[in-house]
Amino acid sequence: MMNDNSEWAVEAKGLVKTFGNHRAVDGVDLNVRTGTIYGVLGPNGAGKTTTIKMLATLLKADAGSAKIFGYDVAKDAQLVRQLIGVTGQYASVDESLSATENLIIFSRLLGLGRNDAKRKAAELLEEFGLSEAAKRPLKNFSGGMRRRLDLATSLIAQPPLIFLDEPTTGLDPRTRNQMWDTIRRLVDGGSTVLLTTQYLQEADELADRVAVIDHGQVVAEGTVNELKESVGTSSLHLRIQNEQSIQEAQRIVERVLKVQSAVSPEGGRITAPMAEPDKVTDLLITLKEADIQLAELSVQKPTLDEVFLSITSQKGSEKNTKEIINK
């Protein structure tokens, strides 16, 4: 069913959605390559969920266009719906029914025969570690179990594109890691995943590329490493064995690396940007000649947290008169 030219799972250009006087989405462009995990990262109210709803044909865009595997979401909505799975809604017909019964009902609604529906339900429950709870009513499921069942339900039709709207919000770390493993397996099996998240670590762990959305606009886009590099170089962290030598060590660091450095409040640790890695060798020789001994040395890239705060604070200062609406 996918178009032959399916290099792009998602092509969105200039998407706009307005609610009253508020622009929830203000000209979003997204290009998601087939067979990848694409992360849409942003704070609450940034416009992530509204964007997903437009791509999934659940909301009509006020302006702009979007294609899913080459099909226009407005003109070919029926075809698009057959190519996607969406999580974010609770996947249940009846809270008093079991997980197996709910999955069978959804499978039958999607056109599977009785035996195929039973087989599919059993496969999905096994895949998502829910076999032992298969006969338990949904009202007795924990939040993590419900989230896994939501994802299982969206995969009954094995869609080539899966939208995951904050799939691990509120989950404990163990369940979150299980969900991450499942998402990776989906892509290994040939699916494309577009996920929204507020968790920087989630984007770092999963996404091949990331778009940062703030105030309804894409304010940065690229691989995680490209985004990290965009806010600065790696930093050098030194811990001096003898704290009496800290000031002399700081002077040497700044002279040799030709940068400004910072000393930690508790003393003994110096942090400096490392624009030219080759100069680190010169620095170590100079410190040794000055008889300054190091207790520790490490080189660290900027964290995704630093990238996110840097990008959104820059954009926020430019748009501080603009109201934010919830998703």
Protein backbone atom coordinates (compact mmCIF):
# COMPACT_ATOMS: atom_id res chain seq x y z
CA MET A 1 0.00 0.00 0.00
CA MET A 2 2.94 2.33 0.60
CA ASN A 3 4.04 4.45 -2.34
CA ASP A 4 7.13 3.20 -4.18
CA ASN A 5 8.89 6.43 -3.23
CA SER A 6 8.69 5.75 0.50
CA GLU A 7 12.08 7.05 1.62
CA TRP A 8 10.12 9.44 3.86
CA ALA A 9 7.59 8.13 6.33
CA VAL A 10 6.56 11.69 7.27
CA GLU A 11 6.88 14.91 5.27
CA ALA A 12 5.25 17.90 6.96
CA LYS A 13 5.58 21.47 5.78
CA GLY A 14 4.32 24.62 7.48
CA LEU A 15 1.73 22.93 9.71
CA VAL A 16 -0.44 25.43 11.60
CA LYS A 17 -3.20 24.85 14.15
CA THR A 18 -5.00 27.66 15.93
CA PHE A 19 -7.39 27.39 18.86
CA GLY A 20 -9.18 30.72 19.31
CA ASN A 21 -6.47 33.37 19.49
CA HIS A 22 -3.72 30.88 20.30
CA ARG A 23 -1.44 29.21 17.77
CA ALA A 24 -0.70 25.77 19.21
CA VAL A 25 1.36 24.87 16.14
CA ASP A 26 3.00 27.71 14.24
CA GLY A 27 4.54 26.47 10.98
CA VAL A 28 6.09 23.09 11.84
CA ASP A 29 8.27 21.27 9.28
CA LEU A 30 9.19 17.61 9.89
CA ASN A 31 10.89 14.99 7.72
CA VAL A 32 11.06 11.48 9.13
CA ARG A 33 13.06 8.88 7.21
CA THR A 34 11.50 5.41 6.87
CA GLY A 35 12.88 2.81 9.30
CA THR A 36 14.08 5.27 11.95
CA ILE A 37 13.06 6.53 15.38
CA TYR A 38 12.33 10.26 15.31
CA GLY A 39 11.94 12.17 18.56
CA VAL A 40 9.83 15.29 19.00
CA LEU A 41 11.09 16.91 22.17
CA GLY A 42 9.54 19.84 24.00
CA PRO A 43 8.07 21.12 27.26
CA ASN A 44 4.39 20.86 28.18
CA GLY A 45 2.34 23.09 25.91
CA ALA A 46 4.96 23.22 23.15
CA GLY A 47 2.59 21.82 20.48
CA LYS A 48 3.86 18.23 20.30
CA THR A 49 0.55 16.42 20.71
CA THR A 50 -1.31 18.80 18.39
CA THR A 51 1.31 18.13 15.70
CA ILE A 52 0.91 14.35 16.11
CA LYS A 53 -2.89 14.63 15.89
CA MET A 54 -2.64 16.51 12.58
CA LEU A 55 -0.21 13.94 11.15
CA ALA A 56 -2.49 11.11 12.30
CA THR A 57 -5.60 12.67 10.64
CA LEU A 58 -7.20 13.27 14.06
CA LEU A 59 -7.10 17.08 13.62
CA LYS A 60 -7.38 19.13 10.46
CA ALA A 61 -4.51 21.58 9.92
CA ASP A 62 -5.42 25.25 9.42
CA ALA A 63 -2.47 25.68 7.06
CA GLY A 64 0.42 23.66 5.68
CA SER A 65 0.52 20.11 4.36
CA ALA A 66 1.64 16.65 5.43
CA LYS A 67 2.28 13.34 3.71
CA ILE A 68 2.58 9.86 5.22
CA PHE A 69 4.57 7.54 2.92
CA GLY A 70 3.67 9.93 0.11
CA TYR A 71 -0.07 10.06 0.84
CA ASP A 72 -1.62 13.42 1.71
CA VAL A 73 -3.20 13.35 5.19
CA ALA A 74 -6.08 15.58 4.04
CA LYS A 75 -6.84 14.06 0.63
CA ASP A 76 -5.94 10.43 1.40
CA ALA A 77 -6.97 10.27 5.08
CA GLN A 78 -8.52 6.80 4.77
CA LEU A 79 -5.34 5.35 3.27
CA VAL A 80 -3.16 7.11 5.82
CA ARG A 81 -5.15 5.63 8.70
CA GLN A 82 -4.35 2.15 7.41
CA LEU A 83 -0.62 2.91 7.52
CA ILE A 84 -0.38 4.23 11.08
CA GLY A 85 -0.84 3.21 14.68
CA VAL A 86 -1.37 5.77 17.43
CA THR A 87 -0.91 5.36 21.16
CA GLY A 88 -1.89 7.87 23.78
CA GLN A 89 -5.52 6.87 24.18
CA TYR A 90 -6.51 4.13 26.59
CA ALA A 91 -6.82 0.95 24.57
CA SER A 92 -9.84 -0.76 26.08
CA VAL A 93 -13.43 -1.49 25.24
CA ASP A 94 -14.45 -2.43 28.76
CA GLU A 95 -12.54 -2.05 32.04
CA SER A 96 -14.17 -5.22 33.38
CA LEU A 97 -12.90 -7.31 30.45
CA SER A 98 -9.47 -8.97 30.49
CA ALA A 99 -6.46 -7.90 28.44
CA THR A 100 -6.98 -10.90 26.15
CA GLU A 101 -10.66 -10.10 25.60
CA ASN A 102 -9.90 -6.45 24.80
CA LEU A 103 -7.19 -7.40 22.29
CA ILE A 104 -9.48 -9.97 20.63
CA ILE A 105 -12.28 -7.39 20.28
CA PHE A 106 -9.89 -4.84 18.70
CA SER A 107 -8.53 -7.55 16.37
CA ARG A 108 -12.03 -8.56 15.25
CA LEU A 109 -12.92 -4.89 14.65
CA LEU A 110 -9.85 -4.69 12.39
CA GLY A 111 -11.12 -7.63 10.35
CA LEU A 112 -9.22 -10.63 11.78
CA GLY A 113 -11.05 -13.96 12.06
CA ARG A 114 -11.74 -15.51 15.49
CA ASN A 115 -8.73 -17.85 15.48
CA ASP A 116 -6.37 -15.20 14.08
CA ALA A 117 -7.59 -12.72 16.68
CA LYS A 118 -6.85 -15.18 19.52
CA ARG A 119 -3.41 -15.96 18.09
CA LYS A 120 -2.58 -12.25 17.63
CA ALA A 121 -3.72 -11.43 21.18
CA ALA A 122 -1.51 -14.18 22.63
CA GLU A 123 1.51 -13.05 20.56
CA LEU A 124 1.17 -9.42 21.64
CA LEU A 125 0.66 -10.26 25.31
CA GLU A 126 3.82 -12.39 25.20
CA GLU A 127 5.78 -9.64 23.39
CA PHE A 128 4.81 -7.06 26.00
CA GLY A 129 5.33 -9.29 29.04
CA LEU A 130 1.63 -9.41 29.90
CA SER A 131 0.93 -13.13 29.48
CA GLU A 132 0.65 -13.77 33.21
CA ALA A 133 -1.92 -10.97 33.52
CA ALA A 134 -3.80 -11.95 30.35
CA LYS A 135 -6.99 -12.98 32.17
CA ARG A 136 -6.94 -10.14 34.69
CA PRO A 137 -9.54 -7.33 34.24
CA LEU A 138 -8.04 -4.07 32.99
CA LYS A 139 -9.31 -2.19 36.04
CA ASN A 140 -6.71 -4.14 38.06
CA PHE A 141 -3.79 -3.19 35.77
CA SER A 142 -1.02 -0.86 36.95
CA GLY A 143 -0.19 2.27 34.92
CA GLY A 144 2.83 0.57 33.35
CA MET A 145 0.80 -2.46 32.32
CA ARG A 146 -1.87 -0.22 30.80
CA ARG A 147 0.76 1.68 28.81
CA ARG A 148 2.19 -1.56 27.43
CA LEU A 149 -1.31 -2.75 26.50
CA ASP A 150 -1.94 0.58 24.74
CA LEU A 151 1.14 -0.02 22.60
CA ALA A 152 0.21 -3.66 21.97
CA THR A 153 -3.25 -2.61 20.74
CA SER A 154 -1.80 -0.09 18.31
CA LEU A 155 0.28 -2.89 16.75
CA ILE A 156 -2.54 -5.34 15.97
CA ALA A 157 -2.56 -4.24 12.34
CA GLN A 158 1.27 -4.12 12.21
CA PRO A 159 1.35 -0.55 10.88
CA PRO A 160 4.53 0.67 9.14
CA LEU A 161 4.38 4.00 11.03
CA ILE A 162 3.72 4.23 14.78
CA PHE A 163 3.03 7.48 16.63
CA LEU A 164 3.91 7.26 20.32
CA ASP A 165 2.71 10.26 22.28
CA GLU A 166 4.79 10.39 25.49
CA PRO A 167 4.79 6.58 25.76
CA THR A 168 6.67 6.33 29.06
CA THR A 169 5.33 9.30 31.05
CA GLY A 170 4.75 8.27 34.65
CA LEU A 171 6.38 4.85 34.33
CA ASP A 172 8.96 3.54 36.77
CA PRO A 173 12.55 3.23 35.42
CA ARG A 174 12.35 -0.57 34.98
CA THR A 175 9.12 -0.43 32.96
CA ARG A 176 10.46 2.52 30.95
CA ASN A 177 13.54 0.50 29.96
CA GLN A 178 11.28 -2.39 28.90
CA MET A 179 9.28 -0.01 26.71
CA TRP A 180 12.49 1.33 25.16
CA ASP A 181 13.57 -2.22 24.28
CA THR A 182 10.17 -2.87 22.69
CA ILE A 183 10.35 0.35 20.64
CA ARG A 184 13.82 -0.61 19.37
CA ARG A 185 12.52 -4.06 18.38
CA LEU A 186 9.66 -2.47 16.42
CA VAL A 187 12.13 -0.54 14.30
CA ASP A 188 14.39 -3.59 13.90
CA GLY A 189 11.26 -5.31 12.56
CA GLY A 190 10.79 -2.65 9.87
CA SER A 191 8.52 -0.07 11.51
CA THR A 192 9.10 3.67 11.69
CA VAL A 193 8.46 5.36 15.04
CA LEU A 194 7.70 9.01 15.73
CA LEU A 195 7.60 9.65 19.46
CA THR A 196 6.98 12.76 21.50
CA THR A 197 8.68 13.03 24.85
CA GLN A 198 9.60 15.38 27.67
CA TYR A 199 12.36 13.02 28.78
CA LEU A 200 15.73 14.13 27.47
CA GLN A 201 17.25 10.75 28.29
CA GLU A 202 14.53 9.05 26.22
CA ALA A 203 15.44 11.08 23.14
CA ASP A 204 19.13 10.42 23.80
CA GLU A 205 18.55 6.66 24.15
CA LEU A 206 16.18 6.10 21.23
CA ALA A 207 16.07 8.78 18.58
CA ASP A 208 18.07 8.77 15.34
CA ARG A 209 17.06 12.41 14.91
CA VAL A 210 15.34 14.91 17.18
CA ALA A 211 13.19 18.00 16.60
CA VAL A 212 12.93 20.41 19.51
CA ILE A 213 9.53 22.14 19.52
CA ASP A 214 8.84 25.23 21.60
CA HIS A 215 5.97 27.74 21.32
CA GLY A 216 4.59 25.72 18.40
CA GLN A 217 7.73 25.95 16.29
CA VAL A 218 10.68 23.68 15.52
CA VAL A 219 13.55 25.57 17.15
CA ALA A 220 16.26 22.94 16.46
CA GLU A 221 16.56 19.71 14.49
CA GLY A 222 19.29 17.13 13.98
CA THR A 223 20.95 14.09 15.49
CA VAL A 224 21.45 14.16 19.25
CA ASN A 225 25.20 14.71 18.74
CA GLU A 226 24.59 17.58 16.28
CA LEU A 227 22.31 19.28 18.81
CA LYS A 228 24.90 18.83 21.56
CA GLU A 229 27.61 20.32 19.35
CA SER A 230 25.35 23.27 18.51
CA VAL A 231 25.58 24.66 22.06
CA GLY A 232 29.31 24.33 22.43
CA THR A 233 32.26 22.03 22.42
CA SER A 234 33.22 19.33 24.87
CA SER A 235 34.42 20.42 28.28
CA LEU A 236 37.54 19.38 30.18
CA HIS A 237 37.15 18.48 33.86
CA LEU A 238 40.24 18.41 36.08
CA ARG A 239 40.47 17.57 39.76
CA ILE A 240 43.65 18.83 41.44
CA GLN A 241 45.17 16.63 44.11
CA ASN A 242 46.44 19.52 46.24
CA GLU A 243 43.78 22.24 46.55
CA GLN A 244 46.50 24.77 47.49
CA SER A 245 47.57 24.65 43.83
CA ILE A 246 44.12 25.36 42.40
CA GLN A 247 44.69 29.01 41.47
CA GLU A 248 48.01 28.31 39.76
CA ALA A 249 46.43 25.36 37.94
CA GLN A 250 43.54 27.56 36.75
CA ARG A 251 45.98 30.17 35.40
CA ILE A 252 47.85 27.45 33.48
CA VAL A 253 44.59 26.02 32.07
CA GLU A 254 43.49 29.45 30.81
CA ARG A 255 46.92 30.32 29.41
CA VAL A 256 47.50 27.04 27.57
CA LEU A 257 43.93 26.44 26.32
CA LYS A 258 43.26 30.18 25.78
CA VAL A 259 39.81 29.94 27.38
CA GLN A 260 37.89 31.07 30.46
CA SER A 261 37.58 28.38 33.13
CA ALA A 262 35.56 27.83 36.30
CA VAL A 263 36.50 26.42 39.71
CA SER A 264 33.87 24.36 41.53
CA PRO A 265 32.41 25.94 44.70
CA GLU A 266 33.94 23.23 46.87
CA GLY A 267 37.34 23.79 45.24
CA GLY A 268 39.71 21.29 43.72
CA ARG A 269 37.85 20.93 40.40
CA ILE A 270 38.35 23.02 37.26
CA THR A 271 36.02 22.99 34.24
CA ALA A 272 36.98 24.57 30.91
CA PRO A 273 35.63 24.42 27.32
CA MET A 274 37.84 22.31 25.08
CA ALA A 275 37.78 23.97 21.68
CA GLU A 276 41.10 22.45 20.56
CA PRO A 277 41.66 18.87 21.82
CA ASP A 278 45.28 18.91 20.61
CA LYS A 279 46.16 21.46 23.29
CA VAL A 280 45.26 19.06 26.12
CA THR A 281 48.63 17.33 25.68
CA ASP A 282 50.41 20.69 26.08
CA LEU A 283 48.33 21.38 29.18
CA LEU A 284 49.26 18.09 30.83
CA ILE A 285 52.98 18.68 30.15
CA THR A 286 52.77 22.23 31.56
CA LEU A 287 50.95 21.06 34.71
CA LYS A 288 53.56 18.33 35.24
CA GLU A 289 56.41 20.84 34.82
CA ALA A 290 54.71 23.04 37.45
CA ASP A 291 54.55 19.99 39.76
CA ILE A 292 50.73 20.13 39.87
CA GLN A 293 49.34 16.63 40.27
CA LEU A 294 45.94 15.61 38.91
CA ALA A 295 43.59 13.34 40.83
CA GLU A 296 41.20 13.02 37.89
CA LEU A 297 40.78 14.10 34.27
CA SER A 298 37.73 13.65 32.04
CA VAL A 299 36.29 15.05 28.81
CA GLN A 300 32.52 15.43 28.60
CA LYS A 301 30.14 16.40 25.81
CA PRO A 302 27.31 18.82 26.65
CA THR A 303 24.30 16.95 27.99
CA LEU A 304 20.99 16.99 26.17
CA ASP A 305 19.63 18.82 29.23
CA GLU A 306 22.07 21.68 28.55
CA VAL A 307 21.10 21.70 24.86
CA PHE A 308 17.39 21.79 25.66
CA LEU A 309 17.69 24.56 28.25
CA SER A 310 19.94 26.60 25.97
CA ILE A 311 17.68 26.30 22.92
CA THR A 312 14.34 26.85 24.68
CA SER A 313 15.61 29.72 26.84
CA GLN A 314 16.99 31.51 23.77
CA LYS A 315 13.70 31.05 21.95
CA GLY A 316 11.68 31.95 25.03
CA SER A 317 13.47 35.27 25.42
CA GLU A 318 12.62 36.12 21.82
CA LYS A 319 8.96 35.15 22.26
CA ASN A 320 8.25 36.08 25.84
CA THR A 321 5.08 37.92 24.86
CA LYS A 322 3.61 34.88 23.20
CA GLU A 323 1.20 32.75 25.22
CA ILE A 324 1.72 29.03 25.54
CA ILE A 325 -1.28 26.75 25.38
CA ASN A 326 -1.38 23.18 26.51
CA LYS A 327 -0.63 20.98 23.55
